[in-house]
PDB file of N, CA and C in Angstrom:
ATOM      1  N   UNK A   1       2.747   8.496 -14.340  1.00  0.00           N
ATOM      2  CA  UNK A   1       3.176   7.154 -13.924  1.00  0.00           C
ATOM      3  C   UNK A   1       3.592   6.418 -15.272  1.00  0.00           C
ATOM      4  N   UNK A   2       2.740   5.006 -14.909  1.00  0.00           N
ATOM      5  CA  UNK A   2       2.571   4.129 -16.640  1.00  0.00           C
ATOM      6  C   UNK A   2       1.970   4.364 -17.256  1.00  0.00           C
ATOM      7  N   UNK A   3       2.112   4.644 -18.470  1.00  0.00           N
ATOM      8  CA  UNK A   3       1.402   4.870 -19.417  1.00  0.00           C
ATOM      9  C   UNK A   3       0.599   6.007 -19.501  1.00  0.00           C
ATOM     10  N   UNK A   4       1.568   7.004 -18.686  1.00  0.00           N
ATOM     11  CA  UNK A   4       0.727   8.678 -18.850  1.00  0.00           C
ATOM     12  C   UNK A   4       1.418   8.811 -20.336  1.00  0.00           C
ATOM     13  N   UNK A   5       2.703   8.909 -20.813  1.00  0.00           N
ATOM     14  CA  UNK A   5       3.477   9.206 -21.779  1.00  0.00           C
ATOM     15  C   UNK A   5       3.509   8.667 -23.221  1.00  0.00           C
ATOM     16  N   UNK A   6       2.912   7.273 -23.245  1.00  0.00           N
ATOM     17  CA  UNK A   6       2.754   6.393 -24.246  1.00  0.00           C
ATOM     18  C   UNK A   6       0.932   7.156 -24.508  1.00  0.00           C
ATOM     19  N   UNK A   7       0.750   5.588 -25.465  1.00  0.00           N
ATOM     20  CA  UNK A   7      -0.583   5.740 -26.250  1.00  0.00           C
ATOM     21  C   UNK A   7      -1.566   5.186 -25.339  1.00  0.00           C
ATOM     22  N   UNK A   8      -2.689   5.441 -25.365  1.00  0.00           N
ATOM     23  CA  UNK A   8      -3.954   5.415 -24.444  1.00  0.00           C
ATOM     24  C   UNK A   8      -4.334   4.072 -24.695  1.00  0.00           C
ATOM     25  N   UNK A   9      -4.472   3.059 -23.471  1.00  0.00           N
ATOM     26  CA  UNK A   9      -5.095   1.913 -24.287  1.00  0.00           C
ATOM     27  C   UNK A   9      -6.650   2.075 -23.813  1.00  0.00           C
ATOM     28  N   UNK A  10      -7.287   1.788 -25.185  1.00  0.00           N
ATOM     29  CA  UNK A  10      -8.410   2.022 -25.436  1.00  0.00           C
ATOM     30  C   UNK A  10      -9.520   1.323 -24.816  1.00  0.00           C
ATOM     31  N   UNK A  11     -10.698   1.858 -23.877  1.00  0.00           N
ATOM     32  CA  UNK A  11     -11.075   0.565 -23.000  1.00  0.00           C
ATOM     33  C   UNK A  11     -11.726  -0.203 -23.299  1.00  0.00           C
ATOM     34  N   UNK A  12     -12.332  -1.188 -22.424  1.00  0.00           N
ATOM     35  CA  UNK A  12     -13.230  -2.132 -22.971  1.00  0.00           C
ATOM     36  C   UNK A  12     -14.707  -1.792 -23.514  1.00  0.00           C
ATOM     37  N   UNK A  13     -14.777  -2.782 -24.579  1.00  0.00           N
ATOM     38  CA  UNK A  13     -16.295  -2.162 -24.898  1.00  0.00           C
ATOM     39  C   UNK A  13     -17.350  -1.889 -24.285  1.00  0.00           C
ATOM     40  N   UNK A  14     -17.616  -2.783 -22.943  1.00  0.00           N
ATOM     41  CA  UNK A  14     -18.848  -3.009 -21.604  1.00  0.00           C
ATOM     42  C   UNK A  14     -18.739  -1.421 -21.483  1.00  0.00           C
ATOM     43  N   UNK A  15     -17.861  -0.442 -21.202  1.00  0.00           N
ATOM     44  CA  UNK A  15     -17.822   0.516 -20.955  1.00  0.00           C
ATOM     45  C   UNK A  15     -17.764   1.738 -21.830  1.00  0.00           C
ATOM     46  N   UNK A  16     -17.753   1.919 -22.825  1.00  0.00           N
ATOM     47  CA  UNK A  16     -17.534   2.661 -23.491  1.00  0.00           C
ATOM     48  C   UNK A  16     -19.611   3.433 -23.874  1.00  0.00           C
ATOM     49  N   UNK A  17     -19.529   4.689 -24.314  1.00  0.00           N
ATOM     50  CA  UNK A  17     -20.909   4.879 -25.099  1.00  0.00           C
ATOM     51  C   UNK A  17     -22.005   4.015 -24.995  1.00  0.00           C
ATOM     52  N   UNK A  18     -23.100   3.831 -24.435  1.00  0.00           N
ATOM     53  CA  UNK A  18     -24.440   3.286 -24.539  1.00  0.00           C
ATOM     54  C   UNK A  18     -25.464   3.995 -24.050  1.00  0.00           C
ATOM     55  N   UNK A  19     -26.766   3.546 -24.567  1.00  0.00           N
ATOM     56  CA  UNK A  19     -27.884   4.240 -24.376  1.00  0.00           C
ATOM     57  C   UNK A  19     -28.263   3.413 -22.852  1.00  0.00           C
ATOM     58  N   UNK A  20     -27.935   2.605 -22.435  1.00  0.00           N
ATOM     59  CA  UNK A  20     -28.004   2.121 -21.239  1.00  0.00           C
ATOM     60  C   UNK A  20     -27.606   3.370 -20.219  1.00  0.00           C
ATOM     61  N   UNK A  21     -27.926   3.158 -19.021  1.00  0.00           N
ATOM     62  CA  UNK A  21     -27.320   4.141 -18.035  1.00  0.00           C
ATOM     63  C   UNK A  21     -26.950   3.158 -16.713  1.00  0.00           C
ATOM     64  N   UNK A  22     -27.237   2.227 -16.695  1.00  0.00           N
ATOM     65  CA  UNK A  22     -27.268   1.312 -15.639  1.00  0.00           C
ATOM     66  C   UNK A  22     -25.528   0.824 -15.566  1.00  0.00           C
ATOM     67  N   UNK A  23     -24.664   1.122 -16.338  1.00  0.00           N
ATOM     68  CA  UNK A  23     -23.324   1.067 -16.497  1.00  0.00           C
ATOM     69  C   UNK A  23     -22.498   2.348 -15.899  1.00  0.00           C
ATOM     70  N   UNK A  24     -23.507   3.517 -15.673  1.00  0.00           N
ATOM     71  CA  UNK A  24     -23.237   4.794 -15.171  1.00  0.00           C
ATOM     72  C   UNK A  24     -22.371   4.603 -14.188  1.00  0.00           C
ATOM     73  N   UNK A  25     -22.707   4.283 -13.233  1.00  0.00           N
ATOM     74  CA  UNK A  25     -22.283   3.913 -11.700  1.00  0.00           C
ATOM     75  C   UNK A  25     -20.927   2.972 -11.476  1.00  0.00           C
ATOM     76  N   UNK A  26     -21.167   2.107 -12.554  1.00  0.00           N
ATOM     77  CA  UNK A  26     -19.913   1.180 -12.717  1.00  0.00           C
ATOM     78  C   UNK A  26     -18.387   2.263 -13.115  1.00  0.00           C
ATOM     79  N   UNK A  27     -18.809   2.723 -14.232  1.00  0.00           N
ATOM     80  CA  UNK A  27     -17.772   4.093 -14.948  1.00  0.00           C
ATOM     81  C   UNK A  27     -17.580   4.624 -14.014  1.00  0.00           C
ATOM     82  N   UNK A  28     -18.322   5.210 -13.083  1.00  0.00           N
ATOM     83  CA  UNK A  28     -17.880   6.474 -11.425  1.00  0.00           C
ATOM     84  C   UNK A  28     -16.990   6.152 -10.944  1.00  0.00           C
ATOM     85  N   UNK A  29     -16.862   4.744 -10.605  1.00  0.00           N
ATOM     86  CA  UNK A  29     -16.433   3.795  -9.630  1.00  0.00           C
ATOM     87  C   UNK A  29     -14.655   3.722 -10.005  1.00  0.00           C
ATOM     88  N   UNK A  30     -15.217   3.416 -11.308  1.00  0.00           N
ATOM     89  CA  UNK A  30     -13.981   2.587 -12.384  1.00  0.00           C
ATOM     90  C   UNK A  30     -13.092   4.212 -12.279  1.00  0.00           C
ATOM     91  N   UNK A  31     -13.198   5.174 -12.409  1.00  0.00           N
ATOM     92  CA  UNK A  31     -12.884   6.479 -12.345  1.00  0.00           C
ATOM     93  C   UNK A  31     -13.149   7.100 -14.459  1.00  0.00           C
ATOM     94  N   UNK A  32     -13.906   6.586 -14.925  1.00  0.00           N
ATOM     95  CA  UNK A  32     -14.239   6.476 -16.295  1.00  0.00           C
ATOM     96  C   UNK A  32     -14.856   7.564 -16.555  1.00  0.00           C
ATOM     97  N   UNK A  33     -15.112   8.571 -17.795  1.00  0.00           N
ATOM     98  CA  UNK A  33     -16.029   9.281 -17.861  1.00  0.00           C
ATOM     99  C   UNK A  33     -17.031   8.612 -19.211  1.00  0.00           C
ATOM    100  N   UNK A  34     -18.276   8.628 -19.601  1.00  0.00           N
ATOM    101  CA  UNK A  34     -18.983   8.791 -20.539  1.00  0.00           C
ATOM    102  C   UNK A  34     -18.222   7.434 -22.081  1.00  0.00           C
ATOM    103  N   UNK A  35     -17.042   8.321 -22.275  1.00  0.00           N
ATOM    104  CA  UNK A  35     -16.461   7.839 -23.335  1.00  0.00           C
ATOM    105  C   UNK A  35     -15.288   6.572 -23.031  1.00  0.00           C
ATOM    106  N   UNK A  36     -15.447   6.057 -21.460  1.00  0.00           N
ATOM    107  CA  UNK A  36     -14.403   5.396 -21.009  1.00  0.00           C
ATOM    108  C   UNK A  36     -13.024   6.104 -21.120  1.00  0.00           C
ATOM    109  N   UNK A  37     -12.721   7.015 -21.141  1.00  0.00           N
ATOM    110  CA  UNK A  37     -11.505   7.686 -20.615  1.00  0.00           C
ATOM    111  C   UNK A  37     -11.658   7.958 -19.372  1.00  0.00           C
ATOM    112  N   UNK A  38     -10.109   8.078 -18.902  1.00  0.00           N
ATOM    113  CA  UNK A  38      -9.850   8.153 -17.736  1.00  0.00           C
ATOM    114  C   UNK A  38     -10.040   9.308 -16.525  1.00  0.00           C
ATOM    115  N   UNK A  39     -10.842   9.808 -15.984  1.00  0.00           N
ATOM    116  CA  UNK A  39     -11.010  11.056 -15.189  1.00  0.00           C
ATOM    117  C   UNK A  39     -10.133  11.991 -13.959  1.00  0.00           C
ATOM    118  N   UNK A  40      -9.738  10.640 -13.674  1.00  0.00           N
ATOM    119  CA  UNK A  40      -8.707  10.855 -12.245  1.00  0.00           C
ATOM    120  C   UNK A  40      -6.930  10.184 -12.380  1.00  0.00           C
ATOM    121  N   UNK A  41      -6.626  11.105 -13.371  1.00  0.00           N
ATOM    122  CA  UNK A  41      -5.237  10.904 -13.752  1.00  0.00           C
ATOM    123  C   UNK A  41      -4.347  11.501 -12.845  1.00  0.00           C
ATOM    124  N   UNK A  42      -4.518  12.570 -11.649  1.00  0.00           N
ATOM    125  CA  UNK A  42      -3.761  12.309 -10.320  1.00  0.00           C
ATOM    126  C   UNK A  42      -3.699  11.593  -9.699  1.00  0.00           C
ATOM    127  N   UNK A  43      -4.956  10.952  -9.512  1.00  0.00           N
ATOM    128  CA  UNK A  43      -5.761  10.081  -8.279  1.00  0.00           C
ATOM    129  C   UNK A  43      -4.724   8.874  -8.688  1.00  0.00           C
ATOM    130  N   UNK A  44      -4.572   8.466  -9.962  1.00  0.00           N
ATOM    131  CA  UNK A  44      -4.272   7.437 -10.090  1.00  0.00           C
ATOM    132  C   UNK A  44      -2.894   7.789 -10.372  1.00  0.00           C
ATOM    133  N   UNK A  45      -1.873   8.616 -10.436  1.00  0.00           N
ATOM    134  CA  UNK A  45      -0.260   9.281 -10.817  1.00  0.00           C
ATOM    135  C   UNK A  45      -0.021   8.485  -9.116  1.00  0.00           C
ATOM    136  N   UNK A  46      -1.194   9.389  -8.441  1.00  0.00           N
ATOM    137  CA  UNK A  46      -0.324   9.355  -6.508  1.00  0.00           C
ATOM    138  C   UNK A  46      -0.700   7.785  -5.836  1.00  0.00           C
ATOM    139  N   UNK A  47      -2.150   6.863  -6.654  1.00  0.00           N
ATOM    140  CA  UNK A  47      -2.013   5.789  -5.951  1.00  0.00           C
ATOM    141  C   UNK A  47      -0.602   4.804  -6.867  1.00  0.00           C
ATOM    142  N   UNK A  48      -0.079   4.915  -7.654  1.00  0.00           N
ATOM    143  CA  UNK A  48       0.866   4.213  -8.786  1.00  0.00           C
ATOM    144  C   UNK A  48       2.430   4.681  -7.863  1.00  0.00           C
ATOM    145  N   UNK A  49       2.183   5.759  -7.821  1.00  0.00           N
ATOM    146  CA  UNK A  49       3.649   6.118  -6.813  1.00  0.00           C
ATOM    147  C   UNK A  49       3.574   5.238  -5.505  1.00  0.00           C
ATOM    148  N   UNK A  50       2.339   5.462  -4.450  1.00  0.00           N
ATOM    149  CA  UNK A  50       2.506   4.698  -3.525  1.00  0.00           C
ATOM    150  C   UNK A  50       2.621   3.533  -3.167  1.00  0.00           C
ATOM    151  N   UNK A  51       2.262   2.925  -4.633  1.00  0.00           N
ATOM    152  CA  UNK A  51       2.065   0.963  -4.634  1.00  0.00           C
ATOM    153  C   UNK A  51       3.441   1.025  -5.382  1.00  0.00           C
ATOM    154  N   UNK A  52       4.417   1.851  -5.800  1.00  0.00           N
ATOM    155  CA  UNK A  52       5.804   1.562  -6.468  1.00  0.00           C
ATOM    156  C   UNK A  52       6.199   2.154  -4.994  1.00  0.00           C
ATOM    157  N   UNK A  53       6.416   2.462  -4.176  1.00  0.00           N
ATOM    158  CA  UNK A  53       7.066   3.094  -2.606  1.00  0.00           C
ATOM    159  C   UNK A  53       6.551   1.642  -1.783  1.00  0.00           C
ATOM    160  N   UNK A  54       5.559   1.008  -1.698  1.00  0.00           N
ATOM    161  CA  UNK A  54       5.244  -0.239  -1.402  1.00  0.00           C
ATOM    162  C   UNK A  54       6.446  -1.082  -1.619  1.00  0.00           C
ATOM    163  N   UNK A  55       6.490  -1.080  -3.362  1.00  0.00           N
ATOM    164  CA  UNK A  55       7.152  -2.234  -3.723  1.00  0.00           C
ATOM    165  C   UNK A  55       8.360  -2.135  -3.587  1.00  0.00           C
ATOM    166  N   UNK A  56       8.925  -0.471  -3.615  1.00  0.00           N
ATOM    167  CA  UNK A  56      10.764  -0.312  -2.767  1.00  0.00           C
ATOM    168  C   UNK A  56      10.480  -0.861  -1.523  1.00  0.00           C
ATOM    169  N   UNK A  57       9.731  -0.425  -0.525  1.00  0.00           N
ATOM    170  CA  UNK A  57       9.710  -0.387   0.832  1.00  0.00           C
ATOM    171  C   UNK A  57      10.132  -2.219   0.843  1.00  0.00           C
ATOM    172  N   UNK A  58       9.501  -2.960   0.530  1.00  0.00           N
ATOM    173  CA  UNK A  58       9.382  -4.415   0.702  1.00  0.00           C
ATOM    174  C   UNK A  58      10.578  -4.968  -0.477  1.00  0.00           C
ATOM    175  N   UNK A  59      11.052  -4.645  -0.888  1.00  0.00           N
ATOM    176  CA  UNK A  59      12.311  -5.105  -1.786  1.00  0.00           C
ATOM    177  C   UNK A  59      11.972  -5.563  -3.151  1.00  0.00           C
ATOM    178  N   UNK A  60      11.180  -5.161  -3.695  1.00  0.00           N
ATOM    179  CA  UNK A  60      10.652  -6.130  -4.735  1.00  0.00           C
ATOM    180  C   UNK A  60      10.940  -4.350  -5.442  1.00  0.00           C
ATOM    181  N   UNK A  61      10.950  -4.693  -7.434  1.00  0.00           N
ATOM    182  CA  UNK A  61      11.181  -4.069  -8.054  1.00  0.00           C
ATOM    183  C   UNK A  61      10.027  -2.707  -8.519  1.00  0.00           C
ATOM    184  N   UNK A  62       9.758  -1.903  -8.865  1.00  0.00           N
ATOM    185  CA  UNK A  62       9.263  -0.784  -9.522  1.00  0.00           C
ATOM    186  C   UNK A  62       8.999  -0.480 -10.590  1.00  0.00           C
ATOM    187  N   UNK A  63       7.844  -0.727 -11.140  1.00  0.00           N
ATOM    188  CA  UNK A  63       7.627   0.328 -12.327  1.00  0.00           C
ATOM    189  C   UNK A  63       7.918   2.230 -12.390  1.00  0.00           C
ATOM    190  N   UNK A  64       9.027   2.386 -12.540  1.00  0.00           N
ATOM    191  CA  UNK A  64       9.227   4.183 -11.986  1.00  0.00           C
ATOM    192  C   UNK A  64       9.493   4.508 -13.585  1.00  0.00           C
ATOM    193  N   UNK A  65       8.841   6.030 -13.883  1.00  0.00           N
ATOM    194  CA  UNK A  65       9.088   6.985 -14.520  1.00  0.00           C
ATOM    195  C   UNK A  65      10.632   7.658 -14.254  1.00  0.00           C
ATOM    196  N   UNK A  66      11.174   8.255 -15.201  1.00  0.00           N
ATOM    197  CA  UNK A  66      12.156   8.779 -14.804  1.00  0.00           C
ATOM    198  C   UNK A  66      11.976   9.962 -14.058  1.00  0.00           C
ATOM    199  N   UNK A  67      10.406  10.519 -13.530  1.00  0.00           N
ATOM    200  CA  UNK A  67      10.509  11.686 -12.731  1.00  0.00           C
ATOM    201  C   UNK A  67      10.788  11.328 -11.535  1.00  0.00           C
ATOM    202  N   UNK A  68      10.111   9.675 -11.205  1.00  0.00           N
ATOM    203  CA  UNK A  68       9.924   9.369  -9.622  1.00  0.00           C
ATOM    204  C   UNK A  68      11.353   8.750  -9.432  1.00  0.00           C
ATOM    205  N   UNK A  69      12.612   8.311 -10.405  1.00  0.00           N
ATOM    206  CA  UNK A  69      13.447   7.752  -9.969  1.00  0.00           C
ATOM    207  C   UNK A  69      14.245   8.130  -9.067  1.00  0.00           C
ATOM    208  N   UNK A  70      14.386   9.672  -9.044  1.00  0.00           N
ATOM    209  CA  UNK A  70      14.950  10.620  -8.341  1.00  0.00           C
ATOM    210  C   UNK A  70      14.240  10.647  -6.589  1.00  0.00           C
ATOM    211  N   UNK A  71      13.103  10.653  -6.639  1.00  0.00           N
ATOM    212  CA  UNK A  71      12.206  10.433  -5.367  1.00  0.00           C
ATOM    213  C   UNK A  71      12.721   8.464  -5.208  1.00  0.00           C
ATOM    214  N   UNK A  72      12.973   7.794  -5.734  1.00  0.00           N
ATOM    215  CA  UNK A  72      12.754   6.422  -5.277  1.00  0.00           C
ATOM    216  C   UNK A  72      14.507   6.565  -4.906  1.00  0.00           C
ATOM    217  N   UNK A  73      15.531   7.562  -5.377  1.00  0.00           N
ATOM    218  CA  UNK A  73      16.565   7.032  -4.759  1.00  0.00           C
ATOM    219  C   UNK A  73      16.881   7.408  -3.483  1.00  0.00           C
ATOM    220  N   UNK A  74      16.064   8.687  -3.085  1.00  0.00           N
ATOM    221  CA  UNK A  74      16.162   9.191  -1.886  1.00  0.00           C
ATOM    222  C   UNK A  74      15.381   8.337  -0.899  1.00  0.00           C
ATOM    223  N   UNK A  75      14.091   7.652  -1.471  1.00  0.00           N
ATOM    224  CA  UNK A  75      12.861   7.299  -0.481  1.00  0.00           C
ATOM    225  C   UNK A  75      14.409   5.421  -0.197  1.00  0.00           C
ATOM    226  N   UNK A  76      15.337   4.979  -0.800  1.00  0.00           N
ATOM    227  CA  UNK A  76      15.800   4.089  -0.616  1.00  0.00           C
ATOM    228  C   UNK A  76      16.267   4.024   0.027  1.00  0.00           C
ATOM    229  N   UNK A  77      16.880   5.053   0.596  1.00  0.00           N
ATOM    230  CA  UNK A  77      17.559   4.851   1.835  1.00  0.00           C
ATOM    231  C   UNK A  77      17.352   5.153   2.964  1.00  0.00           C
ATOM    232  N   UNK A  78      16.067   6.140   3.103  1.00  0.00           N
ATOM    233  CA  UNK A  78      15.669   6.070   4.094  1.00  0.00           C
ATOM    234  C   UNK A  78      14.532   4.732   4.638  1.00  0.00           C
ATOM    235  N   UNK A  79      14.462   4.007   3.658  1.00  0.00           N
ATOM    236  CA  UNK A  79      13.048   2.721   3.669  1.00  0.00           C
ATOM    237  C   UNK A  79      14.358   1.849   4.144  1.00  0.00           C
ATOM    238  N   UNK A  80      15.456   1.855   3.801  1.00  0.00           N
ATOM    239  CA  UNK A  80      16.299   0.873   4.332  1.00  0.00           C
ATOM    240  C   UNK A  80      16.867   1.518   5.658  1.00  0.00           C
ATOM    241  N   UNK A  81      16.903   2.522   5.978  1.00  0.00           N
ATOM    242  CA  UNK A  81      17.255   2.795   7.495  1.00  0.00           C
ATOM    243  C   UNK A  81      15.931   2.422   8.532  1.00  0.00           C
ATOM    244  N   UNK A  82      14.884   2.597   8.261  1.00  0.00           N
ATOM    245  CA  UNK A  82      13.517   2.086   8.718  1.00  0.00           C
ATOM    246  C   UNK A  82      13.716   0.319   8.957  1.00  0.00           C
ATOM    247  N   UNK A  83      13.445   0.147   7.952  1.00  0.00           N
ATOM    248  CA  UNK A  83      13.711  -1.815   7.951  1.00  0.00           C
ATOM    249  C   UNK A  83      15.016  -1.840   8.606  1.00  0.00           C
ATOM    250  N   UNK A  84      16.234  -1.492   8.756  1.00  0.00           N
ATOM    251  CA  UNK A  84      17.033  -2.090   9.416  1.00  0.00           C
ATOM    252  C   UNK A  84      16.956  -2.244  11.219  1.00  0.00           C
ATOM    253  N   UNK A  85      15.975  -0.485  11.061  1.00  0.00           N
ATOM    254  CA  UNK A  85      15.427   0.090  12.852  1.00  0.00           C
ATOM    255  C   UNK A  85      14.478  -1.243  13.159  1.00  0.00           C
ATOM    256  N   UNK A  86      13.520  -1.514  12.435  1.00  0.00           N
ATOM    257  CA  UNK A  86      12.646  -2.596  12.451  1.00  0.00           C
ATOM    258  C   UNK A  86      12.988  -3.746  13.109  1.00  0.00           C
ATOM    259  N   UNK A  87      14.387  -3.870  12.429  1.00  0.00           N
ATOM    260  CA  UNK A  87      14.708  -5.401  12.138  1.00  0.00           C
ATOM    261  C   UNK A  87      15.368  -5.461  13.935  1.00  0.00           C
ATOM    262  N   UNK A  88      16.021  -4.288  14.515  1.00  0.00           N
ATOM    263  CA  UNK A  88      16.867  -4.461  15.134  1.00  0.00           C
ATOM    264  C   UNK A  88      15.662  -4.443  17.003  1.00  0.00           C
ATOM    265  N   UNK A  89      13.999  -3.486  16.571  1.00  0.00           N
ATOM    266  CA  UNK A  89      13.492  -3.823  17.580  1.00  0.00           C
ATOM    267  C   UNK A  89      12.600  -4.520  17.649  1.00  0.00           C
ATOM    268  N   UNK A  90      12.277  -5.268  16.813  1.00  0.00           N
ATOM    269  CA  UNK A  90      11.307  -6.420  16.453  1.00  0.00           C
ATOM    270  C   UNK A  90      11.078  -7.033  17.701  1.00  0.00           C
ATOM    271  N   UNK A  91      12.018  -7.606  18.775  1.00  0.00           N
ATOM    272  CA  UNK A  91      11.792  -8.152  20.067  1.00  0.00           C
ATOM    273  C   UNK A  91      11.583  -7.166  21.295  1.00  0.00           C
ATOM    274  N   UNK A  92      11.839  -5.516  20.755  1.00  0.00           N
ATOM    275  CA  UNK A  92      11.884  -5.132  22.311  1.00  0.00           C
ATOM    276  C   UNK A  92      10.342  -4.458  22.507  1.00  0.00           C
ATOM    277  N   UNK A  93      10.004  -4.486  23.380  1.00  0.00           N
ATOM    278  CA  UNK A  93       8.580  -4.117  23.884  1.00  0.00           C
ATOM    279  C   UNK A  93       8.972  -2.865  24.823  1.00  0.00           C
ATOM    280  N   UNK A  94       7.666  -1.891  24.812  1.00  0.00           N
ATOM    281  CA  UNK A  94       7.797  -0.720  25.178  1.00  0.00           C
ATOM    282  C   UNK A  94       7.473  -0.849  26.377  1.00  0.00           C
ATOM    283  N   UNK A  95       7.567  -0.148  27.825  1.00  0.00           N
ATOM    284  CA  UNK A  95       7.648  -0.318  29.074  1.00  0.00           C
ATOM    285  C   UNK A  95       5.604  -0.325  29.235  1.00  0.00           C
ATOM    286  N   UNK A  96       4.668  -0.064  28.986  1.00  0.00           N
ATOM    287  CA  UNK A  96       3.671  -0.175  28.906  1.00  0.00           C
ATOM    288  C   UNK A  96       3.290  -2.047  28.793  1.00  0.00           C
ATOM    289  N   UNK A  97       4.163  -2.239  27.394  1.00  0.00           N
ATOM    290  CA  UNK A  97       3.648  -3.654  26.732  1.00  0.00           C
ATOM    291  C   UNK A  97       4.059  -4.866  27.951  1.00  0.00           C
ATOM    292  N   UNK A  98       5.793  -4.371  28.626  1.00  0.00           N
ATOM    293  CA  UNK A  98       6.134  -5.290  29.108  1.00  0.00           C
ATOM    294  C   UNK A  98       5.092  -5.561  30.732  1.00  0.00           C
ATOM    295  N   UNK A  99       4.828  -4.419  30.842  1.00  0.00           N
ATOM    296  CA  UNK A  99       3.491  -4.430  32.469  1.00  0.00           C
ATOM    297  C   UNK A  99       2.459  -5.295  32.043  1.00  0.00           C
ATOM    298  N   UNK A 100       1.936  -4.895  30.818  1.00  0.00           N
ATOM    299  CA  UNK A 100       1.255  -5.849  30.675  1.00  0.00           C
ATOM    300  C   UNK A 100       1.281  -7.104  30.753  1.00  0.00           C
ATOM    301  N   UNK A 101       2.172  -7.727  30.160  1.00  0.00           N
ATOM    302  CA  UNK A 101       2.719  -8.682  29.994  1.00  0.00           C
ATOM    303  C   UNK A 101       2.642  -9.763  30.740  1.00  0.00           C
ATOM    304  N   UNK A 102       3.983  -8.934  31.721  1.00  0.00           N
ATOM    305  CA  UNK A 102       4.008  -9.188  32.793  1.00  0.00           C
ATOM    306  C   UNK A 102       2.913  -9.823  33.671  1.00  0.00           C
ATOM    307  N   UNK A 103       1.446  -8.924  33.659  1.00  0.00           N
ATOM    308  CA  UNK A 103       0.934  -9.066  34.309  1.00  0.00           C
ATOM    309  C   UNK A 103      -0.372 -10.380  34.103  1.00  0.00           C
ATOM    310  N   UNK A 104      -0.345 -10.067  32.571  1.00  0.00           N
ATOM    311  CA  UNK A 104      -1.120 -11.545  32.035  1.00  0.00           C
ATOM    312  C   UNK A 104      -0.012 -13.323  32.111  1.00  0.00           C
ATOM    313  N   UNK A 105       0.945 -12.692  32.468  1.00  0.00           N
ATOM    314  CA  UNK A 105       1.626 -13.877  32.764  1.00  0.00           C
ATOM    315  C   UNK A 105       1.282 -14.241  34.288  1.00  0.00           C
ATOM    316  N   UNK A 106       1.294 -13.230  35.055  1.00  0.00           N
ATOM    317  CA  UNK A 106       0.662 -13.826  36.404  1.00  0.00           C
ATOM    318  C   UNK A 106      -0.253 -14.323  36.851  1.00  0.00           C
ATOM    319  N   UNK A 107      -1.206 -13.536  36.129  1.00  0.00           N
ATOM    320  CA  UNK A 107      -2.614 -13.739  36.378  1.00  0.00           C
ATOM    321  C   UNK A 107      -3.379 -15.141  35.698  1.00  0.00           C
ATOM    322  N   UNK A 108      -2.080 -15.361  34.476  1.00  0.00           N
ATOM    323  CA  UNK A 108      -2.298 -17.045  33.654  1.00  0.00           C
ATOM    324  C   UNK A 108      -2.036 -17.927  34.370  1.00  0.00           C
ATOM    325  N   UNK A 109      -1.015 -17.612  35.188  1.00  0.00           N
ATOM    326  CA  UNK A 109      -0.070 -18.663  35.622  1.00  0.00           C
ATOM    327  C   UNK A 109      -0.564 -19.971  36.392  1.00  0.00           C
ATOM    328  N   UNK A 110      -1.574 -20.035  36.505  1.00  0.00           N
ATOM    329  CA  UNK A 110      -2.102 -21.219  37.131  1.00  0.00           C
ATOM    330  C   UNK A 110      -2.508 -22.276  35.837  1.00  0.00           C
ATOM    331  N   UNK A 111      -2.826 -21.922  34.972  1.00  0.00           N
ATOM    332  CA  UNK A 111      -3.912 -22.012  33.577  1.00  0.00           C
ATOM    333  C   UNK A 111      -2.309 -23.293  32.838  1.00  0.00           C
ATOM    334  N   UNK A 112      -2.557 -23.919  32.679  1.00  0.00           N
ATOM    335  CA  UNK A 112      -1.903 -24.900  32.047  1.00  0.00           C
ATOM    336  C   UNK A 112      -1.005 -24.062  30.399  1.00  0.00           C
ATOM    337  N   UNK A 113      -0.016 -23.470  30.138  1.00  0.00           N
ATOM    338  CA  UNK A 113       0.237 -22.877  29.442  1.00  0.00           C
ATOM    339  C   UNK A 113       0.485 -21.447  29.518  1.00  0.00           C
ATOM    340  N   UNK A 114      -0.308 -20.953  30.725  1.00  0.00           N
ATOM    341  CA  UNK A 114      -0.988 -19.545  30.512  1.00  0.00           C
ATOM    342  C   UNK A 114       0.231 -18.679  30.639  1.00  0.00           C
ATOM    343  N   UNK A 115       1.389 -19.083  31.661  1.00  0.00           N
ATOM    344  CA  UNK A 115       3.037 -18.919  32.203  1.00  0.00           C
ATOM    345  C   UNK A 115       3.617 -18.296  30.677  1.00  0.00           C
ATOM    346  N   UNK A 116       3.208 -18.865  29.899  1.00  0.00           N
ATOM    347  CA  UNK A 116       3.979 -18.741  28.156  1.00  0.00           C
ATOM    348  C   UNK A 116       3.334 -17.378  27.473  1.00  0.00           C
ATOM    349  N   UNK A 117       2.189 -16.916  28.063  1.00  0.00           N
ATOM    350  CA  UNK A 117       1.504 -15.598  26.956  1.00  0.00           C
ATOM    351  C   UNK A 117       2.579 -14.491  26.745  1.00  0.00           C
ATOM    352  N   UNK A 118       2.735 -14.473  25.508  1.00  0.00           N
ATOM    353  CA  UNK A 118       3.824 -13.203  24.825  1.00  0.00           C
ATOM    354  C   UNK A 118       2.553 -12.166  23.881  1.00  0.00           C
ATOM    355  N   UNK A 119       2.813 -11.281  24.140  1.00  0.00           N
ATOM    356  CA  UNK A 119       2.231 -10.549  23.125  1.00  0.00           C
ATOM    357  C   UNK A 119       2.415 -10.339  21.309  1.00  0.00           C
TER     358      UNK A 119
END
């Protein structure tokens, strides 16, 4: 994804080789080896794809590579369809939710403001 084809960005000096092993858990948590290089490019690419998909789903521009542009074009149509369905169904309650809501409204009807309970 991002920076995968371009030059590698040098890791911070604090994460490079040192004789002190206290930084080891931090390097591993960040996905870096002893030299500060990334150890999980596939995981990183998958996370970036997911983040880009979330950006597209919410109508924001995404940082896409050429390989991901085709996927994004297919996904845009599906996401737009999903967004329209959600918009149309925002006030729709399934039958179980309707029954629960009616029960709560009748149960709390004698409490001030209890008749207006909504999920």
